[in-house]
N, C-alpha and C. Protein backbone atom coordinates (compact mmCIF):
# COMPACT_ATOMS: atom_id res chain seq x y z
N MET A 1 -19.69 1.40 -2.46
CA MET A 1 -18.78 2.09 -3.75
C MET A 1 -18.89 1.25 -4.92
N LYS A 2 -18.81 0.95 -6.41
CA LYS A 2 -18.63 0.31 -6.66
C LYS A 2 -17.33 0.44 -7.04
N ILE A 3 -16.16 -0.99 -8.02
CA ILE A 3 -15.17 -0.62 -7.84
C ILE A 3 -15.17 -1.22 -9.73
N LYS A 4 -14.94 -1.07 -10.79
CA LYS A 4 -14.32 -1.76 -11.95
C LYS A 4 -13.10 -2.44 -11.53
N VAL A 5 -12.97 -4.11 -11.99
CA VAL A 5 -12.33 -4.41 -11.59
C VAL A 5 -12.00 -6.16 -12.51
N ILE A 6 -10.27 -6.54 -13.28
CA ILE A 6 -10.43 -7.19 -14.41
C ILE A 6 -9.83 -8.24 -12.78
N ASN A 7 -9.90 -9.52 -13.19
CA ASN A 7 -9.57 -10.60 -12.47
C ASN A 7 -8.76 -11.48 -12.73
N LYS A 8 -7.17 -11.52 -12.90
CA LYS A 8 -6.38 -12.54 -14.10
C LYS A 8 -6.03 -13.80 -12.56
N SER A 9 -6.06 -13.27 -11.47
CA SER A 9 -5.23 -14.18 -10.56
C SER A 9 -6.86 -15.77 -11.46
N GLU A 10 -6.15 -16.99 -10.41
CA GLU A 10 -7.36 -18.54 -10.01
C GLU A 10 -8.11 -17.45 -8.32
N PHE A 11 -7.79 -16.87 -7.54
CA PHE A 11 -8.27 -16.36 -6.73
C PHE A 11 -9.30 -15.04 -6.86
N PRO A 12 -10.95 -15.75 -5.62
CA PRO A 12 -11.42 -14.61 -6.28
C PRO A 12 -11.21 -13.26 -4.77
N LEU A 13 -12.82 -12.75 -5.55
CA LEU A 13 -11.95 -11.42 -5.48
C LEU A 13 -12.16 -11.12 -4.37
N PRO A 14 -10.81 -10.03 -4.00
CA PRO A 14 -10.64 -9.02 -2.30
C PRO A 14 -11.89 -9.55 -1.75
N GLU A 15 -11.68 -9.94 -0.50
CA GLU A 15 -13.16 -8.95 0.15
C GLU A 15 -12.54 -8.70 1.72
N TYR A 16 -13.21 -7.70 2.11
CA TYR A 16 -13.28 -7.42 3.98
C TYR A 16 -13.27 -8.10 4.81
N GLU A 17 -13.08 -8.42 5.36
CA GLU A 17 -11.91 -9.31 6.52
C GLU A 17 -13.12 -9.58 7.85
N THR A 18 -13.47 -8.06 8.39
CA THR A 18 -14.11 -8.37 8.61
C THR A 18 -14.97 -6.34 8.45
N SER A 19 -16.37 -6.73 9.83
CA SER A 19 -17.45 -5.45 9.17
C SER A 19 -16.54 -4.31 9.58
N GLY A 20 -15.52 -4.21 10.23
CA GLY A 20 -15.29 -2.79 10.52
C GLY A 20 -13.37 -2.58 10.03
N SER A 21 -13.34 -3.70 9.12
CA SER A 21 -11.87 -3.57 8.38
C SER A 21 -11.60 -2.41 7.05
N ALA A 22 -10.97 -1.76 7.32
CA ALA A 22 -10.62 -0.67 6.48
C ALA A 22 -9.98 -0.87 5.43
N GLY A 23 -9.46 -1.96 5.22
CA GLY A 23 -8.03 -2.70 4.43
C GLY A 23 -8.50 -3.90 3.83
N ILE A 24 -8.75 -4.48 2.63
CA ILE A 24 -8.80 -5.69 2.14
C ILE A 24 -7.29 -6.00 1.53
N ASP A 25 -7.16 -7.26 2.11
CA ASP A 25 -6.09 -7.82 1.78
C ASP A 25 -6.19 -8.26 0.34
N LEU A 26 -4.51 -8.46 -0.72
CA LEU A 26 -3.68 -8.41 -1.37
C LEU A 26 -3.27 -9.87 -1.32
N GLN A 27 -3.38 -10.57 -2.39
CA GLN A 27 -2.28 -12.43 -2.30
C GLN A 27 -2.10 -11.81 -3.60
N ALA A 28 -0.66 -12.53 -3.39
CA ALA A 28 0.46 -12.63 -4.42
C ALA A 28 -0.07 -13.73 -5.82
N TYR A 29 0.46 -12.80 -6.79
CA TYR A 29 -0.38 -13.74 -7.65
C TYR A 29 1.25 -14.14 -8.37
N VAL A 30 1.88 -15.13 -8.28
CA VAL A 30 3.18 -15.36 -8.43
C VAL A 30 3.60 -17.38 -9.42
N SER A 31 3.92 -17.07 -10.57
CA SER A 31 4.09 -18.68 -10.93
C SER A 31 5.06 -19.42 -10.23
N SER A 32 5.62 -19.19 -9.01
CA SER A 32 6.82 -20.22 -8.44
C SER A 32 7.00 -19.63 -7.36
N PRO A 33 7.11 -20.51 -5.70
CA PRO A 33 7.53 -19.47 -4.98
C PRO A 33 8.74 -18.31 -5.29
N ILE A 34 8.88 -17.31 -4.24
CA ILE A 34 9.54 -16.33 -4.42
C ILE A 34 10.87 -16.56 -2.75
N VAL A 35 11.71 -16.77 -3.00
CA VAL A 35 12.23 -15.89 -1.74
C VAL A 35 13.00 -14.73 -1.36
N LEU A 36 12.46 -13.91 -0.42
CA LEU A 36 12.97 -12.66 -0.55
C LEU A 36 13.68 -12.26 0.59
N LYS A 37 15.03 -12.28 0.92
CA LYS A 37 16.94 -12.09 0.90
C LYS A 37 16.02 -11.35 2.22
N PRO A 38 17.06 -10.87 3.25
CA PRO A 38 16.84 -9.83 3.99
C PRO A 38 17.87 -8.68 3.43
N PHE A 39 17.02 -7.41 3.82
CA PHE A 39 16.78 -6.01 2.42
C PHE A 39 17.05 -6.16 2.11
N SER A 40 16.41 -7.08 0.91
CA SER A 40 16.58 -6.84 -0.56
C SER A 40 15.46 -6.86 -0.54
N ARG A 41 14.44 -5.96 -1.79
CA ARG A 41 13.64 -6.04 -2.00
C ARG A 41 12.91 -6.31 -3.96
N VAL A 42 11.09 -6.63 -3.91
CA VAL A 42 10.75 -7.32 -4.92
C VAL A 42 9.21 -6.70 -5.01
N LEU A 43 9.61 -7.11 -6.32
CA LEU A 43 7.94 -6.85 -6.83
C LEU A 43 7.21 -7.85 -7.28
N ILE A 44 5.78 -7.61 -6.39
CA ILE A 44 5.13 -8.80 -6.16
C ILE A 44 3.79 -8.25 -7.04
N PRO A 45 3.33 -9.49 -8.50
CA PRO A 45 2.13 -9.42 -8.81
C PRO A 45 0.94 -9.36 -8.13
N THR A 46 -0.22 -9.26 -8.61
CA THR A 46 -1.98 -10.00 -7.73
C THR A 46 -2.66 -9.86 -8.56
N GLY A 47 -2.88 -9.74 -10.33
CA GLY A 47 -3.77 -10.50 -10.86
C GLY A 47 -4.60 -9.46 -10.95
N LEU A 48 -4.85 -8.63 -10.03
CA LEU A 48 -5.81 -7.51 -10.64
C LEU A 48 -5.18 -5.83 -10.93
N TYR A 49 -6.73 -6.27 -11.94
CA TYR A 49 -6.23 -4.75 -12.11
C TYR A 49 -7.96 -3.66 -12.08
N ILE A 50 -8.00 -2.46 -12.15
CA ILE A 50 -8.93 -1.60 -11.43
C ILE A 50 -8.72 0.01 -11.96
N SER A 51 -10.72 0.17 -11.86
CA SER A 51 -11.05 1.70 -12.41
C SER A 51 -10.92 2.18 -10.95
N ILE A 52 -9.92 3.10 -10.90
CA ILE A 52 -10.27 3.92 -9.18
C ILE A 52 -11.13 5.27 -9.42
N PRO A 53 -12.51 5.69 -9.08
CA PRO A 53 -12.92 7.13 -9.63
C PRO A 53 -12.13 7.97 -9.50
N VAL A 54 -12.20 9.13 -10.20
CA VAL A 54 -11.60 10.74 -9.91
C VAL A 54 -11.35 10.95 -8.79
N GLY A 55 -10.71 11.85 -8.07
CA GLY A 55 -10.96 11.67 -6.70
C GLY A 55 -10.96 10.73 -4.91
N TYR A 56 -9.65 10.19 -5.55
CA TYR A 56 -9.89 9.04 -4.81
C TYR A 56 -8.21 8.75 -5.72
N GLU A 57 -7.74 7.29 -4.38
CA GLU A 57 -6.81 7.27 -4.33
C GLU A 57 -7.09 5.87 -4.01
N GLY A 58 -6.04 4.47 -4.42
CA GLY A 58 -5.55 3.35 -3.86
C GLY A 58 -4.80 3.44 -2.98
N GLN A 59 -4.50 3.13 -2.23
CA GLN A 59 -3.16 2.47 -1.15
C GLN A 59 -2.92 1.70 -0.90
N ILE A 60 -2.05 1.13 -1.14
CA ILE A 60 -0.61 -0.15 -0.45
C ILE A 60 -1.00 -0.32 -0.15
N ARG A 61 -0.49 -0.93 1.16
CA ARG A 61 -0.31 -0.28 2.54
C ARG A 61 0.35 -2.09 3.56
N GLY A 62 1.13 -2.30 4.64
CA GLY A 62 1.84 -3.28 4.73
C GLY A 62 1.00 -4.29 5.84
N ARG A 63 1.00 -5.12 6.05
CA ARG A 63 0.67 -6.14 7.04
C ARG A 63 0.65 -5.74 8.65
N SER A 64 0.24 -5.96 9.19
CA SER A 64 0.74 -5.66 10.27
C SER A 64 1.40 -7.25 10.81
N GLY A 65 1.05 -8.35 11.02
CA GLY A 65 1.86 -9.17 11.17
C GLY A 65 2.54 -9.33 10.70
N LEU A 66 2.84 -9.29 8.87
CA LEU A 66 4.12 -10.02 8.34
C LEU A 66 5.22 -9.18 9.36
N ALA A 67 4.20 -7.52 8.74
CA ALA A 67 5.82 -6.60 9.18
C ALA A 67 6.27 -6.92 11.35
N LEU A 68 5.15 -8.09 12.35
CA LEU A 68 5.83 -7.31 13.64
C LEU A 68 6.19 -8.84 14.00
N LYS A 69 6.07 -10.18 12.34
CA LYS A 69 6.27 -11.41 12.63
C LYS A 69 7.75 -11.66 11.72
N HIS A 70 8.05 -11.11 10.33
CA HIS A 70 8.86 -11.59 9.84
C HIS A 70 9.63 -10.26 9.32
N GLY A 71 9.67 -9.09 9.86
CA GLY A 71 9.95 -7.85 9.19
C GLY A 71 9.81 -7.58 7.91
N ILE A 72 8.64 -7.93 6.98
CA ILE A 72 8.21 -7.63 5.97
C ILE A 72 7.41 -6.60 5.75
N THR A 73 7.42 -5.26 4.70
CA THR A 73 6.31 -4.28 4.75
C THR A 73 6.77 -3.82 3.10
N LEU A 74 6.12 -2.74 2.88
CA LEU A 74 6.82 -2.28 1.81
C LEU A 74 7.97 -1.03 1.50
N ALA A 75 8.28 -1.60 0.75
CA ALA A 75 9.21 -0.53 0.12
C ALA A 75 9.25 1.21 0.37
N ASN A 76 7.93 1.80 -0.43
CA ASN A 76 8.00 2.74 -0.31
C ASN A 76 6.47 3.38 0.50
N GLY A 77 6.78 2.17 1.60
CA GLY A 77 5.89 2.78 2.51
C GLY A 77 4.44 2.78 2.94
N ILE A 78 3.54 3.92 1.73
CA ILE A 78 2.31 3.47 1.15
C ILE A 78 2.53 3.90 -0.23
N GLY A 79 2.29 2.59 -0.71
CA GLY A 79 2.05 2.73 -2.51
C GLY A 79 0.89 3.42 -2.07
N THR A 80 0.73 4.48 -3.72
CA THR A 80 -0.69 4.76 -4.54
C THR A 80 -0.58 4.63 -5.87
N ILE A 81 -2.13 4.36 -5.77
CA ILE A 81 -2.50 4.15 -7.19
C ILE A 81 -4.07 4.99 -7.66
N ASP A 82 -3.18 5.79 -8.67
CA ASP A 82 -3.85 6.79 -8.96
C ASP A 82 -5.25 6.27 -10.17
N SER A 83 -5.73 7.49 -9.85
CA SER A 83 -7.57 7.00 -10.47
C SER A 83 -7.22 6.77 -12.39
N ASP A 84 -5.93 7.73 -12.57
CA ASP A 84 -6.01 7.00 -14.72
C ASP A 84 -4.67 5.58 -14.52
N TYR A 85 -3.88 5.44 -13.51
CA TYR A 85 -3.56 3.81 -13.86
C TYR A 85 -4.63 2.88 -14.11
N ARG A 86 -4.56 2.50 -15.28
CA ARG A 86 -5.08 1.00 -15.66
C ARG A 86 -4.24 -0.48 -15.48
N GLY A 87 -3.01 -0.08 -15.04
CA GLY A 87 -1.94 -1.50 -14.89
C GLY A 87 -1.92 -2.17 -13.96
N GLU A 88 -1.67 -3.56 -13.84
CA GLU A 88 -1.69 -4.63 -13.38
C GLU A 88 -1.22 -3.73 -11.36
N ILE A 89 -1.85 -3.98 -10.25
CA ILE A 89 -1.81 -4.00 -8.99
C ILE A 89 -0.67 -5.13 -8.94
N LYS A 90 0.60 -4.16 -8.03
CA LYS A 90 1.80 -4.23 -7.30
C LYS A 90 2.31 -4.22 -6.42
N VAL A 91 2.77 -4.92 -5.70
CA VAL A 91 3.77 -4.55 -4.43
C VAL A 91 5.11 -4.80 -4.41
N ILE A 92 5.78 -3.84 -3.32
CA ILE A 92 6.88 -3.78 -3.29
C ILE A 92 7.56 -4.28 -2.32
N LEU A 93 7.54 -5.24 -1.74
CA LEU A 93 7.51 -5.76 -0.26
C LEU A 93 9.33 -4.80 -0.33
N ILE A 94 9.37 -5.81 0.77
CA ILE A 94 10.88 -5.56 1.23
C ILE A 94 11.60 -6.34 2.82
N ASN A 95 12.49 -7.63 3.11
CA ASN A 95 12.38 -7.91 4.19
C ASN A 95 13.42 -7.64 4.52
N LEU A 96 12.86 -6.54 5.68
CA LEU A 96 13.80 -5.83 7.01
C LEU A 96 14.21 -6.88 8.77
N GLY A 97 13.86 -7.81 7.64
CA GLY A 97 13.82 -8.94 9.28
C GLY A 97 15.27 -9.78 9.31
N ASP A 98 15.41 -10.55 9.61
CA ASP A 98 17.07 -11.33 9.71
C ASP A 98 17.34 -12.59 9.08
N GLU A 99 15.37 -12.71 8.91
CA GLU A 99 15.67 -14.42 8.10
C GLU A 99 15.40 -14.36 6.42
N PRO A 100 15.73 -14.90 5.63
CA PRO A 100 14.90 -15.28 4.35
C PRO A 100 13.33 -15.21 4.43
N PHE A 101 12.38 -14.47 3.43
CA PHE A 101 10.92 -15.04 3.79
C PHE A 101 10.72 -15.33 2.71
N LEU A 102 9.90 -16.55 2.24
CA LEU A 102 8.98 -17.37 0.85
C LEU A 102 7.59 -16.71 1.06
N ILE A 103 7.91 -16.47 -0.24
CA ILE A 103 6.48 -15.73 -0.84
C ILE A 103 5.87 -16.65 -1.48
N ASN A 104 4.87 -17.40 -1.56
CA ASN A 104 3.47 -18.54 -2.54
C ASN A 104 2.80 -17.67 -2.75
N ASN A 105 2.79 -18.52 -3.96
CA ASN A 105 0.91 -18.12 -5.10
C ASN A 105 0.14 -18.04 -4.04
N GLY A 106 -0.95 -17.50 -3.40
CA GLY A 106 -1.84 -16.71 -2.52
C GLY A 106 -1.72 -16.06 -1.53
N ASP A 107 -0.45 -16.00 -0.87
CA ASP A 107 0.04 -15.20 0.58
C ASP A 107 -0.76 -13.99 0.00
N ARG A 108 -1.09 -13.43 1.51
CA ARG A 108 -1.04 -11.79 1.93
C ARG A 108 -0.32 -11.12 2.28
N ILE A 109 -0.26 -10.30 0.85
CA ILE A 109 1.32 -10.03 1.63
C ILE A 109 0.97 -8.53 1.64
N ALA A 110 -0.81 -7.95 1.19
CA ALA A 110 -0.72 -6.17 1.46
C ALA A 110 -2.08 -5.99 1.43
N GLN A 111 -2.45 -4.63 2.28
CA GLN A 111 -3.48 -4.81 2.26
C GLN A 111 -4.48 -2.96 1.49
N PHE A 112 -5.29 -3.42 0.84
CA PHE A 112 -5.74 -1.84 -0.56
C PHE A 112 -6.79 -1.29 0.39
N VAL A 113 -6.31 0.22 0.37
CA VAL A 113 -7.39 0.73 1.02
C VAL A 113 -7.70 2.36 0.04
N LEU A 114 -9.40 2.30 -0.59
CA LEU A 114 -9.72 3.71 -1.08
C LEU A 114 -9.48 4.17 -0.23
N SER A 115 -9.51 6.01 -0.84
CA SER A 115 -9.17 6.98 0.24
C SER A 115 -9.73 7.86 -0.04
N LYS A 116 -9.97 9.05 -0.62
CA LYS A 116 -10.59 10.59 -0.72
C LYS A 116 -9.95 11.36 -1.36
N TYR A 117 -9.24 12.02 -1.92
CA TYR A 117 -8.94 12.65 -1.68
C TYR A 117 -9.13 14.63 -2.08
N GLU A 118 -8.23 15.64 -2.25
CA GLU A 118 -9.15 17.04 -2.92
C GLU A 118 -7.83 16.90 -3.70
N THR A 119 -7.68 18.03 -4.73
CA THR A 119 -6.95 18.78 -5.54
C THR A 119 -6.33 19.55 -4.86
N ILE A 120 -5.73 20.02 -5.43
CA ILE A 120 -4.77 21.30 -4.78
C ILE A 120 -4.03 22.38 -5.76
N LYS A 121 -4.22 23.37 -5.55
CA LYS A 121 -3.41 24.55 -6.29
C LYS A 121 -2.54 25.35 -5.49
N PHE A 122 -1.28 25.20 -5.67
CA PHE A 122 -0.44 26.27 -4.74
C PHE A 122 -0.84 27.85 -5.03
N GLU A 123 -0.96 29.12 -3.95
CA GLU A 123 -0.94 30.62 -3.59
C GLU A 123 0.04 30.35 -3.92
N PRO A 124 0.72 31.44 -4.93
CA PRO A 124 2.36 32.12 -3.65
C PRO A 124 1.69 32.89 -2.66
N VAL A 125 2.78 33.33 -1.41
CA VAL A 125 2.00 34.29 -1.27
C VAL A 125 3.42 34.41 -0.44
N GLU A 126 3.77 35.67 0.11
CA GLU A 126 4.92 35.98 1.02
C GLU A 126 4.77 35.48 2.04
N TYR A 127 4.23 35.69 2.82
CA TYR A 127 4.11 35.30 4.19
C TYR A 127 3.52 34.21 5.09
N LEU A 128 3.17 33.29 5.41
CA LEU A 128 2.19 32.34 6.60
C LEU A 128 1.72 33.14 7.69
N GLU A 129 0.13 32.62 7.71
CA GLU A 129 -0.65 33.13 8.86
C GLU A 129 0.33 32.46 10.19
N GLU A 130 0.61 33.43 11.72
CA GLU A 130 1.23 32.86 12.66
C GLU A 130 0.56 31.75 13.72
N THR A 131 1.40 31.01 14.05
CA THR A 131 0.85 30.00 14.48
C THR A 131 1.57 29.46 16.27
N THR A 132 0.91 29.55 16.71
CA THR A 132 2.12 29.02 18.73
C THR A 132 2.92 28.23 18.07
N ARG A 133 2.53 26.95 17.12
CA ARG A 133 4.02 25.97 16.72
C ARG A 133 4.71 26.68 16.18
N GLY A 134 4.70 27.64 15.97
CA GLY A 134 6.09 28.17 14.25
C GLY A 134 6.12 27.11 13.36
N GLU A 135 7.82 27.32 13.46
CA GLU A 135 8.51 25.86 12.62
C GLU A 135 9.29 24.93 13.32
N GLY A 136 8.95 25.40 14.54
CA GLY A 136 8.69 24.06 15.29
C GLY A 136 8.89 22.69 15.26
N GLY A 137 9.75 21.73 14.23
CA GLY A 137 9.74 20.52 14.57
C GLY A 137 10.43 19.39 14.73
N PHE A 138 10.07 17.80 13.64
CA PHE A 138 11.24 17.13 14.36
C PHE A 138 11.21 17.10 16.01
N GLY A 139 10.53 16.97 16.54
CA GLY A 139 10.74 16.60 18.21
C GLY A 139 10.69 17.63 18.42
N HIS A 140 10.35 19.55 18.35
CA HIS A 140 10.53 19.85 19.58
C HIS A 140 9.87 20.00 20.94
N THR A 141 9.00 19.02 20.00
CA THR A 141 7.67 19.08 22.30
C THR A 141 7.92 17.70 22.96
N GLY A 142 9.09 17.52 22.65
CA GLY A 142 9.79 16.07 23.45
C GLY A 142 10.59 15.22 22.76
N VAL A 143 10.34 13.77 23.25
CA VAL A 143 11.21 13.15 22.54
C VAL A 143 10.02 11.69 21.78
């Protein structure tokens, strides 16, 4: 699938790192290094603007290596880019680690995944069909 993109950064367009990759790495586009202190968050620009087709969303996900090695992840878990958004892609990073983390221009900070979704309409009802699980949740099957 082709996605229209405007790239205002000095970096090449993101590409898949391997043939089996689901996500494309996004790079920080910052004028100077940013120090992200422990338990602080920051909004990092990428210089990318995209046009996502209706029926799809862009998902911004954390990078596993940054999370494991430094405690760097996304403040909002997974970010959503709606199909009608035309602004710059930006990433909300949070440092859950013990040490300050330096973000340099060009650092790979997150992944972008394109995902198809269905639009729903709620149908009000008085009862839901019974299931074996019922209302069990939050660890009801064990720890």
